[in-house]
N, C-alpha and C. Protein backbone atom coordinates (compact mmCIF):
# COMPACT_ATOMS: atom_id res chain seq x y z
N MET A 1 69.50 -31.03 19.67
CA MET A 1 69.38 -31.36 21.07
C MET A 1 69.95 -30.19 21.86
N GLY A 2 69.15 -29.65 22.75
CA GLY A 2 69.60 -28.54 23.59
C GLY A 2 70.42 -29.03 24.77
N SER A 3 70.93 -28.09 25.55
CA SER A 3 71.81 -28.45 26.66
C SER A 3 71.08 -29.26 27.74
N THR A 4 69.81 -28.98 27.98
CA THR A 4 69.05 -29.72 29.00
C THR A 4 68.89 -31.18 28.60
N GLU A 5 68.47 -31.39 27.35
CA GLU A 5 68.30 -32.76 26.88
C GLU A 5 69.64 -33.48 26.79
N LEU A 6 70.66 -32.78 26.35
CA LEU A 6 71.98 -33.38 26.25
C LEU A 6 72.49 -33.80 27.63
N ALA A 7 72.30 -32.95 28.62
CA ALA A 7 72.75 -33.26 29.98
C ALA A 7 72.00 -34.47 30.55
N ALA A 8 70.69 -34.52 30.34
CA ALA A 8 69.90 -35.65 30.83
C ALA A 8 70.34 -36.94 30.15
N ASN A 9 70.59 -36.86 28.85
CA ASN A 9 71.00 -38.04 28.10
C ASN A 9 72.38 -38.51 28.53
N LEU A 10 73.28 -37.58 28.75
CA LEU A 10 74.62 -37.94 29.21
C LEU A 10 74.55 -38.55 30.62
N PHE A 11 73.74 -37.97 31.49
CA PHE A 11 73.57 -38.51 32.84
C PHE A 11 73.03 -39.94 32.77
N ARG A 12 72.00 -40.15 31.93
CA ARG A 12 71.42 -41.49 31.76
C ARG A 12 72.48 -42.48 31.28
N ALA A 13 73.25 -42.09 30.29
CA ALA A 13 74.25 -42.99 29.72
C ALA A 13 75.34 -43.33 30.74
N THR A 14 75.82 -42.33 31.47
CA THR A 14 76.89 -42.59 32.43
C THR A 14 76.39 -43.45 33.59
N GLN A 15 75.16 -43.20 34.03
CA GLN A 15 74.61 -43.99 35.13
C GLN A 15 74.35 -45.44 34.69
N ALA A 16 73.89 -45.62 33.47
CA ALA A 16 73.67 -46.97 32.95
C ALA A 16 75.01 -47.71 32.85
N GLU A 17 76.02 -47.02 32.34
CA GLU A 17 77.34 -47.64 32.22
C GLU A 17 77.88 -48.07 33.58
N GLU A 18 77.74 -47.19 34.58
CA GLU A 18 78.20 -47.53 35.93
C GLU A 18 77.43 -48.72 36.50
N LYS A 19 76.13 -48.75 36.29
CA LYS A 19 75.30 -49.85 36.80
C LYS A 19 75.66 -51.16 36.11
N LEU A 20 75.92 -51.11 34.81
CA LEU A 20 76.33 -52.32 34.09
C LEU A 20 77.62 -52.88 34.69
N ARG A 21 78.55 -51.99 34.96
CA ARG A 21 79.84 -52.39 35.52
C ARG A 21 79.68 -52.88 36.97
N ARG A 22 78.98 -52.09 37.77
CA ARG A 22 78.81 -52.41 39.19
C ARG A 22 78.09 -53.74 39.40
N ASP A 23 77.03 -53.96 38.60
CA ASP A 23 76.22 -55.17 38.74
C ASP A 23 76.75 -56.33 37.90
N GLU A 24 77.88 -56.10 37.23
CA GLU A 24 78.50 -57.11 36.37
C GLU A 24 77.49 -57.72 35.40
N VAL A 25 76.75 -56.85 34.73
CA VAL A 25 75.72 -57.27 33.79
C VAL A 25 76.40 -57.93 32.59
N ARG A 26 75.86 -59.07 32.19
CA ARG A 26 76.36 -59.81 31.04
C ARG A 26 75.19 -60.11 30.12
N GLY A 27 75.43 -60.02 28.85
CA GLY A 27 74.41 -60.36 27.86
C GLY A 27 73.62 -59.15 27.39
N LYS A 28 73.26 -59.21 26.12
CA LYS A 28 72.57 -58.09 25.48
C LYS A 28 71.21 -57.81 26.11
N GLN A 29 70.43 -58.83 26.37
CA GLN A 29 69.09 -58.63 26.92
C GLN A 29 69.15 -57.98 28.30
N GLN A 30 70.03 -58.45 29.14
CA GLN A 30 70.17 -57.88 30.49
C GLN A 30 70.70 -56.44 30.41
N ALA A 31 71.61 -56.18 29.49
CA ALA A 31 72.15 -54.82 29.32
C ALA A 31 71.05 -53.87 28.83
N ASN A 32 70.27 -54.33 27.86
CA ASN A 32 69.16 -53.50 27.38
C ASN A 32 68.16 -53.20 28.49
N GLN A 33 67.86 -54.19 29.31
CA GLN A 33 66.93 -53.99 30.42
C GLN A 33 67.49 -52.98 31.42
N THR A 34 68.79 -53.05 31.68
CA THR A 34 69.43 -52.10 32.60
C THR A 34 69.34 -50.68 32.04
N HIS A 35 69.63 -50.52 30.76
CA HIS A 35 69.53 -49.19 30.13
C HIS A 35 68.09 -48.66 30.22
N TYR A 36 67.13 -49.53 29.97
CA TYR A 36 65.72 -49.13 30.03
C TYR A 36 65.36 -48.67 31.45
N GLU A 37 65.75 -49.44 32.45
CA GLU A 37 65.42 -49.10 33.84
C GLU A 37 66.06 -47.78 34.27
N VAL A 38 67.31 -47.58 33.91
CA VAL A 38 67.99 -46.32 34.25
C VAL A 38 67.30 -45.16 33.55
N GLY A 39 66.98 -45.32 32.28
CA GLY A 39 66.27 -44.28 31.54
C GLY A 39 64.92 -43.95 32.15
N ARG A 40 64.20 -44.97 32.59
CA ARG A 40 62.89 -44.77 33.22
C ARG A 40 63.05 -43.96 34.51
N LYS A 41 64.07 -44.27 35.28
CA LYS A 41 64.29 -43.54 36.54
C LYS A 41 64.71 -42.10 36.29
N VAL A 42 65.52 -41.86 35.26
CA VAL A 42 65.91 -40.49 34.92
C VAL A 42 64.68 -39.70 34.51
N ARG A 43 63.82 -40.30 33.67
CA ARG A 43 62.58 -39.64 33.25
C ARG A 43 61.68 -39.37 34.46
N GLN A 44 61.61 -40.33 35.38
CA GLN A 44 60.79 -40.18 36.58
C GLN A 44 61.30 -39.00 37.42
N THR A 45 62.61 -38.89 37.55
CA THR A 45 63.21 -37.79 38.32
C THR A 45 62.91 -36.45 37.66
N ILE A 46 63.04 -36.38 36.34
CA ILE A 46 62.73 -35.14 35.62
C ILE A 46 61.29 -34.73 35.91
N ALA A 47 60.37 -35.68 35.82
CA ALA A 47 58.95 -35.41 36.06
C ALA A 47 58.71 -34.96 37.50
N GLU A 48 59.32 -35.65 38.46
CA GLU A 48 59.12 -35.32 39.87
C GLU A 48 59.65 -33.92 40.20
N LEU A 49 60.70 -33.50 39.52
CA LEU A 49 61.27 -32.18 39.76
C LEU A 49 60.53 -31.08 39.01
N GLY A 50 59.55 -31.48 38.21
CA GLY A 50 58.78 -30.50 37.46
C GLY A 50 59.48 -30.04 36.20
N GLY A 51 60.47 -30.81 35.75
CA GLY A 51 61.19 -30.47 34.54
C GLY A 51 60.39 -30.79 33.29
N THR A 52 60.88 -30.36 32.18
CA THR A 52 60.25 -30.63 30.90
C THR A 52 60.78 -31.93 30.35
N MET A 53 59.88 -32.82 29.95
CA MET A 53 60.29 -34.09 29.39
C MET A 53 60.98 -33.83 28.05
N PRO A 54 61.96 -34.66 27.70
CA PRO A 54 62.73 -34.42 26.47
C PRO A 54 61.87 -34.24 25.22
N GLU A 55 60.82 -35.02 25.10
CA GLU A 55 59.98 -34.91 23.90
C GLU A 55 59.18 -33.61 23.86
N ASN A 56 59.13 -32.89 24.96
CA ASN A 56 58.41 -31.61 25.02
C ASN A 56 59.33 -30.40 24.97
N LEU A 57 60.64 -30.64 24.87
CA LEU A 57 61.58 -29.53 24.77
C LEU A 57 61.48 -28.90 23.38
N PRO A 58 61.77 -27.60 23.27
CA PRO A 58 61.71 -26.95 21.95
C PRO A 58 62.69 -27.60 20.98
N LYS A 59 62.25 -27.66 19.73
CA LYS A 59 63.09 -28.24 18.69
C LYS A 59 63.60 -27.12 17.78
N PRO A 60 64.82 -27.26 17.27
CA PRO A 60 65.34 -26.23 16.35
C PRO A 60 64.55 -26.23 15.05
N GLU A 61 64.56 -25.10 14.37
CA GLU A 61 63.83 -24.98 13.10
C GLU A 61 64.45 -25.87 12.03
N SER A 62 65.77 -26.01 12.05
CA SER A 62 66.47 -26.80 11.03
C SER A 62 67.34 -27.85 11.71
N SER A 63 67.42 -29.02 11.09
CA SER A 63 68.29 -30.07 11.61
C SER A 63 69.73 -29.78 11.18
N ILE A 64 70.66 -30.47 11.79
CA ILE A 64 72.06 -30.32 11.42
C ILE A 64 72.25 -30.71 9.95
N GLN A 65 71.56 -31.77 9.52
CA GLN A 65 71.67 -32.21 8.13
C GLN A 65 71.17 -31.12 7.17
N GLN A 66 70.06 -30.47 7.51
CA GLN A 66 69.53 -29.39 6.66
C GLN A 66 70.50 -28.22 6.61
N LEU A 67 71.07 -27.86 7.75
CA LEU A 67 72.03 -26.76 7.79
C LEU A 67 73.29 -27.08 6.97
N GLU A 68 73.76 -28.32 7.07
CA GLU A 68 74.94 -28.74 6.32
C GLU A 68 74.65 -28.70 4.82
N LYS A 69 73.49 -29.14 4.42
CA LYS A 69 73.10 -29.13 3.01
C LYS A 69 73.07 -27.69 2.47
N THR A 70 72.51 -26.79 3.25
CA THR A 70 72.45 -25.38 2.87
C THR A 70 73.85 -24.79 2.76
N ARG A 71 74.71 -25.13 3.71
CA ARG A 71 76.09 -24.64 3.70
C ARG A 71 76.82 -25.11 2.45
N LYS A 72 76.63 -26.38 2.09
CA LYS A 72 77.29 -26.92 0.90
C LYS A 72 76.81 -26.21 -0.36
N LYS A 73 75.50 -25.94 -0.43
CA LYS A 73 74.97 -25.23 -1.59
C LYS A 73 75.57 -23.83 -1.69
N LEU A 74 75.67 -23.15 -0.55
CA LEU A 74 76.23 -21.80 -0.55
C LEU A 74 77.71 -21.82 -0.92
N THR A 75 78.43 -22.82 -0.45
CA THR A 75 79.85 -22.95 -0.77
C THR A 75 80.04 -23.16 -2.27
N LYS A 76 79.19 -24.01 -2.87
CA LYS A 76 79.26 -24.26 -4.31
C LYS A 76 78.99 -22.98 -5.10
N LYS A 77 78.03 -22.19 -4.67
CA LYS A 77 77.70 -20.93 -5.34
C LYS A 77 78.88 -19.97 -5.26
N ASP A 78 79.55 -19.93 -4.10
CA ASP A 78 80.69 -19.04 -3.91
C ASP A 78 81.88 -19.46 -4.78
N ASP A 79 82.00 -20.77 -5.03
CA ASP A 79 83.11 -21.28 -5.83
C ASP A 79 82.94 -20.95 -7.31
N ASN A 80 81.72 -20.72 -7.75
CA ASN A 80 81.46 -20.44 -9.18
C ASN A 80 81.63 -19.02 -9.52
């Protein structure tokens, strides 16, 4: 996840949390609906500003899991 996607995701999460608290949302279904609505509005804002949607952002060549696996293999080789 790059900085743009991370920032959008953090903004979405903090805004959803504030809305849950402000609106005194109770119950899983209502909380899920609130998260969905906030996420939809964040995506709408990104689109209106001409930003790149998260699913269209560049992806790294290797995942963190792949990099960690490679690091462990290299560490084992160095230990031998």
